[in-house]
């Protein structure tokens, strides 16, 4: 599978996608308009190892809901990601059995390396 979960309204996501110049076989899913399903999130979790790895602690709602002062467990991370797209650390790029989460330079470079190897 070659898939990208992103936000069309996120400048960082758009910049990364342009820089990666992904081949046409990639499926792009704008998570604001095409919500993540339980099955999709579970697939991401199986590749990432945990829901927490997929969770964005930089989301505005994370601060607004005072979640940083709560003890969150895996089921909580799953619940919040499914409840509101902003909690998914974006973009999430899946290439075969590898997952790349977020917009760190390291993650983007890892995607570039993986694409070159293909």
N, C-alpha and C. Protein backbone atom coordinates (compact mmCIF):
# COMPACT_ATOMS: atom_id res chain seq x y z
N UNK A 1 0.84 -1.19 0.00
CA UNK A 1 0.00 0.00 0.00
C UNK A 1 0.88 1.25 0.00
N UNK A 2 0.45 2.23 -0.74
CA UNK A 2 1.13 3.52 -0.78
C UNK A 2 0.06 4.58 -0.52
N UNK A 3 0.12 5.17 0.67
CA UNK A 3 -0.95 6.06 1.09
C UNK A 3 -0.42 7.21 1.92
N UNK A 4 -1.10 8.35 1.81
CA UNK A 4 -0.76 9.53 2.61
C UNK A 4 -2.02 10.05 3.27
N UNK A 5 -1.95 10.18 4.59
CA UNK A 5 -3.02 10.83 5.35
C UNK A 5 -2.51 12.24 5.64
N UNK A 6 -3.27 13.24 5.21
CA UNK A 6 -2.80 14.62 5.35
C UNK A 6 -3.99 15.57 5.44
N UNK A 7 -3.69 16.84 5.61
CA UNK A 7 -4.71 17.88 5.59
C UNK A 7 -4.44 18.81 4.42
N UNK A 8 -5.43 18.98 3.56
CA UNK A 8 -5.29 19.85 2.40
C UNK A 8 -5.08 21.31 2.82
N UNK A 9 -5.57 21.65 4.03
CA UNK A 9 -5.46 23.03 4.52
C UNK A 9 -4.19 23.27 5.33
N UNK A 10 -3.35 22.26 5.46
CA UNK A 10 -2.12 22.38 6.25
C UNK A 10 -0.95 22.73 5.31
N UNK A 11 -0.42 23.91 5.48
CA UNK A 11 0.68 24.36 4.61
C UNK A 11 1.89 23.44 4.71
N UNK A 12 2.18 22.95 5.90
CA UNK A 12 3.33 22.06 6.09
C UNK A 12 3.13 20.75 5.31
N UNK A 13 1.92 20.18 5.41
CA UNK A 13 1.63 18.95 4.65
C UNK A 13 1.81 19.18 3.15
N UNK A 14 1.27 20.27 2.65
CA UNK A 14 1.34 20.57 1.21
C UNK A 14 2.80 20.76 0.79
N UNK A 15 3.57 21.49 1.59
CA UNK A 15 4.98 21.71 1.28
C UNK A 15 5.73 20.38 1.21
N UNK A 16 5.47 19.50 2.17
CA UNK A 16 6.15 18.20 2.20
C UNK A 16 5.75 17.37 0.98
N UNK A 17 4.47 17.34 0.66
CA UNK A 17 4.01 16.56 -0.49
C UNK A 17 4.64 17.06 -1.79
N UNK A 18 4.74 18.39 -1.93
CA UNK A 18 5.39 18.94 -3.13
C UNK A 18 6.86 18.55 -3.18
N UNK A 19 7.53 18.61 -2.04
CA UNK A 19 8.96 18.28 -1.98
C UNK A 19 9.19 16.80 -2.30
N UNK A 20 8.26 15.94 -1.88
CA UNK A 20 8.42 14.51 -2.10
C UNK A 20 8.11 14.11 -3.54
N UNK A 21 7.23 14.87 -4.19
CA UNK A 21 6.87 14.58 -5.58
C UNK A 21 6.50 13.10 -5.73
N UNK A 22 5.50 12.69 -4.99
CA UNK A 22 5.12 11.28 -4.92
C UNK A 22 4.60 10.77 -6.26
N UNK A 23 4.91 9.52 -6.58
CA UNK A 23 4.40 8.91 -7.81
C UNK A 23 2.87 8.81 -7.76
N UNK A 24 2.22 8.70 -8.92
CA UNK A 24 0.75 8.70 -8.98
C UNK A 24 0.06 7.51 -8.30
N UNK A 25 0.80 6.44 -8.01
CA UNK A 25 0.14 5.30 -7.35
C UNK A 25 -0.18 5.56 -5.88
N UNK A 26 0.29 6.66 -5.33
CA UNK A 26 -0.03 7.00 -3.94
C UNK A 26 -1.47 7.49 -3.84
N UNK A 27 -2.16 6.99 -2.82
CA UNK A 27 -3.52 7.44 -2.53
C UNK A 27 -3.41 8.53 -1.48
N UNK A 28 -3.98 9.70 -1.78
CA UNK A 28 -3.95 10.81 -0.83
C UNK A 28 -5.33 10.92 -0.17
N UNK A 29 -5.33 10.95 1.15
CA UNK A 29 -6.59 11.07 1.89
C UNK A 29 -6.55 12.32 2.75
N UNK A 30 -7.39 13.30 2.38
CA UNK A 30 -7.53 14.52 3.18
C UNK A 30 -8.42 14.16 4.37
N UNK A 31 -7.81 14.06 5.55
CA UNK A 31 -8.51 13.54 6.73
C UNK A 31 -9.60 14.47 7.27
N UNK A 32 -9.63 15.71 6.79
CA UNK A 32 -10.70 16.61 7.22
C UNK A 32 -11.99 16.27 6.47
N UNK A 33 -11.88 15.92 5.21
CA UNK A 33 -13.06 15.64 4.39
C UNK A 33 -13.37 14.16 4.27
N UNK A 34 -12.38 13.33 4.49
CA UNK A 34 -12.54 11.88 4.41
C UNK A 34 -11.96 11.30 5.70
N UNK A 35 -12.79 11.27 6.72
CA UNK A 35 -12.34 10.91 8.07
C UNK A 35 -11.67 9.53 8.12
N UNK A 36 -10.74 9.42 9.03
CA UNK A 36 -10.03 8.16 9.25
C UNK A 36 -11.02 7.16 9.85
N UNK A 37 -11.02 5.96 9.32
CA UNK A 37 -11.88 4.91 9.86
C UNK A 37 -11.13 4.16 10.97
N UNK A 38 -11.89 3.41 11.75
CA UNK A 38 -11.29 2.60 12.81
C UNK A 38 -10.29 1.63 12.19
N UNK A 39 -10.68 1.00 11.08
CA UNK A 39 -9.80 0.03 10.41
C UNK A 39 -8.50 0.70 9.95
N UNK A 40 -8.61 1.89 9.35
CA UNK A 40 -7.40 2.61 8.90
C UNK A 40 -6.49 2.94 10.08
N UNK A 41 -7.08 3.41 11.17
CA UNK A 41 -6.28 3.77 12.34
C UNK A 41 -5.61 2.53 12.94
N UNK A 42 -6.33 1.42 12.95
CA UNK A 42 -5.75 0.18 13.46
C UNK A 42 -4.59 -0.30 12.58
N UNK A 43 -4.73 -0.11 11.26
CA UNK A 43 -3.63 -0.46 10.34
C UNK A 43 -2.41 0.42 10.62
N UNK A 44 -2.66 1.72 10.82
CA UNK A 44 -1.55 2.63 11.13
C UNK A 44 -0.88 2.23 12.44
N UNK A 45 -1.70 1.89 13.44
CA UNK A 45 -1.17 1.50 14.75
C UNK A 45 -0.31 0.25 14.65
N UNK A 46 -0.75 -0.71 13.83
CA UNK A 46 0.02 -1.96 13.71
C UNK A 46 1.40 -1.68 13.11
N UNK A 47 1.50 -0.68 12.23
CA UNK A 47 2.80 -0.31 11.66
C UNK A 47 3.61 0.58 12.60
N UNK A 48 2.92 1.46 13.33
CA UNK A 48 3.60 2.43 14.19
C UNK A 48 3.96 1.86 15.57
N UNK A 49 3.22 0.84 15.99
CA UNK A 49 3.49 0.24 17.29
C UNK A 49 2.59 0.72 18.41
N UNK A 50 2.03 1.92 18.26
CA UNK A 50 1.13 2.44 19.28
C UNK A 50 0.29 3.58 18.71
N UNK A 51 -0.82 3.86 19.39
CA UNK A 51 -1.63 5.01 19.00
C UNK A 51 -0.92 6.29 19.42
N UNK A 52 -0.19 6.22 20.52
CA UNK A 52 0.52 7.41 21.00
C UNK A 52 1.51 7.91 19.95
N UNK A 53 2.14 7.00 19.22
CA UNK A 53 3.11 7.39 18.18
C UNK A 53 2.43 8.19 17.07
N UNK A 54 1.13 7.99 16.89
CA UNK A 54 0.37 8.68 15.85
C UNK A 54 -0.27 9.98 16.34
N UNK A 55 -0.21 10.20 17.65
CA UNK A 55 -0.93 11.30 18.29
C UNK A 55 -0.09 12.57 18.29
N UNK A 56 -0.72 13.68 17.92
CA UNK A 56 -0.03 14.96 17.92
C UNK A 56 -0.27 15.71 19.22
N UNK A 57 0.81 15.88 19.97
CA UNK A 57 0.72 16.66 21.21
C UNK A 57 0.92 18.14 20.94
N UNK A 58 1.05 18.49 19.65
CA UNK A 58 1.19 19.90 19.26
C UNK A 58 -0.14 20.50 18.81
N UNK A 59 -1.18 19.67 18.77
CA UNK A 59 -2.50 20.14 18.34
C UNK A 59 -3.05 21.17 19.33
N UNK A 60 -3.71 22.19 18.79
CA UNK A 60 -4.29 23.23 19.63
C UNK A 60 -5.28 22.64 20.63
N UNK A 61 -6.09 21.68 20.17
CA UNK A 61 -7.08 21.06 21.05
C UNK A 61 -6.43 20.33 22.22
N UNK A 62 -5.22 19.82 22.03
CA UNK A 62 -4.50 19.13 23.10
C UNK A 62 -4.30 20.07 24.28
N UNK A 63 -3.93 21.32 23.97
CA UNK A 63 -3.74 22.32 25.02
C UNK A 63 -5.09 22.81 25.55
N UNK A 64 -6.03 23.08 24.61
CA UNK A 64 -7.33 23.60 25.01
C UNK A 64 -8.09 22.63 25.92
N UNK A 65 -7.96 21.34 25.66
CA UNK A 65 -8.66 20.33 26.46
C UNK A 65 -7.85 19.92 27.69
N UNK A 66 -6.69 20.55 27.87
CA UNK A 66 -5.80 20.28 29.01
C UNK A 66 -5.43 18.79 29.11
N UNK A 67 -5.22 18.18 27.94
CA UNK A 67 -4.89 16.75 27.92
C UNK A 67 -3.49 16.46 28.44
N UNK A 68 -2.60 17.47 28.37
CA UNK A 68 -1.23 17.22 28.84
C UNK A 68 -1.17 16.97 30.34
N UNK A 69 -2.19 17.40 31.06
CA UNK A 69 -2.24 17.19 32.50
C UNK A 69 -3.07 15.97 32.88
N UNK A 70 -3.44 15.16 31.89
CA UNK A 70 -4.18 13.94 32.14
C UNK A 70 -3.29 12.75 31.77
N UNK A 71 -3.53 11.64 32.44
CA UNK A 71 -2.77 10.44 32.12
C UNK A 71 -3.52 9.69 31.02
N UNK A 72 -3.04 9.85 29.78
CA UNK A 72 -3.70 9.22 28.65
C UNK A 72 -3.16 7.82 28.41
N UNK A 73 -4.04 6.91 28.07
CA UNK A 73 -3.66 5.54 27.74
C UNK A 73 -3.91 5.31 26.26
N UNK A 74 -3.50 4.15 25.76
CA UNK A 74 -3.64 3.84 24.34
C UNK A 74 -5.08 4.04 23.85
N UNK A 75 -6.05 3.57 24.62
CA UNK A 75 -7.45 3.71 24.18
C UNK A 75 -7.86 5.18 24.08
N UNK A 76 -7.26 6.04 24.94
CA UNK A 76 -7.56 7.48 24.89
C UNK A 76 -6.99 8.10 23.62
N UNK A 77 -5.74 7.73 23.28
CA UNK A 77 -5.14 8.26 22.06
C UNK A 77 -5.97 7.86 20.85
N UNK A 78 -6.39 6.58 20.82
CA UNK A 78 -7.23 6.09 19.72
C UNK A 78 -8.53 6.89 19.64
N UNK A 79 -9.18 7.05 20.78
CA UNK A 79 -10.45 7.79 20.85
C UNK A 79 -10.30 9.21 20.31
N UNK A 80 -9.30 9.93 20.77
CA UNK A 80 -9.13 11.32 20.36
C UNK A 80 -8.78 11.45 18.88
N UNK A 81 -7.95 10.55 18.36
CA UNK A 81 -7.61 10.61 16.93
C UNK A 81 -8.86 10.37 16.09
N UNK A 82 -9.69 9.43 16.49
CA UNK A 82 -10.92 9.16 15.75
C UNK A 82 -11.95 10.28 15.92
N UNK A 83 -11.92 10.92 17.09
CA UNK A 83 -12.89 11.98 17.37
C UNK A 83 -12.60 13.25 16.57
N UNK A 84 -11.32 13.60 16.42
CA UNK A 84 -10.98 14.84 15.72
C UNK A 84 -9.67 14.68 14.96
N UNK A 85 -9.72 14.97 13.66
CA UNK A 85 -8.56 14.79 12.78
C UNK A 85 -7.31 15.53 13.24
N UNK A 86 -7.47 16.60 13.99
CA UNK A 86 -6.31 17.39 14.40
C UNK A 86 -5.34 16.63 15.30
N UNK A 87 -5.83 15.55 15.92
CA UNK A 87 -4.97 14.78 16.82
C UNK A 87 -4.04 13.81 16.10
N UNK A 88 -4.22 13.63 14.80
CA UNK A 88 -3.29 12.77 14.06
C UNK A 88 -2.06 13.58 13.70
N UNK A 89 -0.90 13.09 14.04
CA UNK A 89 0.35 13.75 13.68
C UNK A 89 0.50 13.62 12.16
N UNK A 90 0.60 14.73 11.47
CA UNK A 90 0.56 14.71 10.01
C UNK A 90 1.85 15.19 9.38
N UNK A 91 2.06 14.76 8.14
CA UNK A 91 1.35 13.72 7.41
C UNK A 91 1.77 12.33 7.89
N UNK A 92 0.91 11.35 7.62
CA UNK A 92 1.28 9.95 7.84
C UNK A 92 1.42 9.35 6.44
N UNK A 93 2.61 8.83 6.18
CA UNK A 93 2.90 8.26 4.86
C UNK A 93 3.20 6.77 5.05
N UNK A 94 2.47 5.96 4.30
CA UNK A 94 2.67 4.51 4.36
C UNK A 94 3.19 4.05 3.00
N UNK A 95 4.33 3.38 3.04
CA UNK A 95 4.92 2.79 1.84
C UNK A 95 5.13 1.32 2.15
N UNK A 96 4.29 0.49 1.54
CA UNK A 96 4.31 -0.96 1.78
C UNK A 96 4.12 -1.24 3.27
N UNK A 97 5.15 -1.71 3.96
CA UNK A 97 5.01 -2.04 5.38
C UNK A 97 5.76 -1.05 6.27
N UNK A 98 6.08 0.11 5.73
CA UNK A 98 6.77 1.14 6.51
C UNK A 98 5.85 2.34 6.69
N UNK A 99 5.93 2.94 7.89
CA UNK A 99 5.11 4.11 8.17
C UNK A 99 6.03 5.26 8.59
N UNK A 100 5.71 6.44 8.10
CA UNK A 100 6.47 7.65 8.41
C UNK A 100 5.47 8.66 8.96
N UNK A 101 5.72 9.12 10.17
CA UNK A 101 4.74 9.93 10.89
C UNK A 101 5.29 11.32 11.16
N UNK A 102 4.50 12.32 10.80
CA UNK A 102 4.84 13.70 11.16
C UNK A 102 5.71 14.40 10.14
N UNK A 103 6.05 15.63 10.50
CA UNK A 103 6.73 16.50 9.55
C UNK A 103 8.17 16.82 9.92
N UNK A 104 8.76 16.01 10.78
CA UNK A 104 10.15 16.27 11.15
C UNK A 104 11.05 16.06 9.92
N UNK A 105 12.15 16.77 9.90
CA UNK A 105 13.10 16.64 8.80
C UNK A 105 13.56 15.19 8.66
N UNK A 106 13.77 14.54 9.79
CA UNK A 106 14.22 13.15 9.79
C UNK A 106 13.19 12.23 9.11
N UNK A 107 11.92 12.44 9.42
CA UNK A 107 10.86 11.63 8.84
C UNK A 107 10.76 11.86 7.32
N UNK A 108 10.82 13.11 6.91
CA UNK A 108 10.74 13.45 5.48
C UNK A 108 11.93 12.85 4.72
N UNK A 109 13.12 12.95 5.30
CA UNK A 109 14.31 12.37 4.66
C UNK A 109 14.20 10.85 4.55
N UNK A 110 13.61 10.22 5.56
CA UNK A 110 13.42 8.77 5.53
C UNK A 110 12.48 8.36 4.40
N UNK A 111 11.43 9.17 4.17
CA UNK A 111 10.51 8.91 3.05
C UNK A 111 11.26 9.04 1.73
N UNK A 112 12.05 10.10 1.60
CA UNK A 112 12.83 10.30 0.37
C UNK A 112 13.75 9.11 0.09
N UNK A 113 14.41 8.63 1.12
CA UNK A 113 15.30 7.45 0.98
C UNK A 113 14.53 6.23 0.54
N UNK A 114 13.37 6.03 1.14
CA UNK A 114 12.53 4.87 0.81
C UNK A 114 12.06 4.95 -0.65
N UNK A 115 11.69 6.16 -1.09
CA UNK A 115 11.23 6.33 -2.46
C UNK A 115 12.35 6.07 -3.46
N UNK A 116 13.56 6.47 -3.13
CA UNK A 116 14.71 6.23 -4.02
C UNK A 116 15.00 4.75 -4.14
N UNK A 117 14.79 4.01 -3.05
CA UNK A 117 15.07 2.57 -3.03
C UNK A 117 14.07 1.78 -3.88
N UNK A 118 12.93 2.38 -4.15
CA UNK A 118 11.89 1.69 -4.93
C UNK A 118 12.17 1.75 -6.41
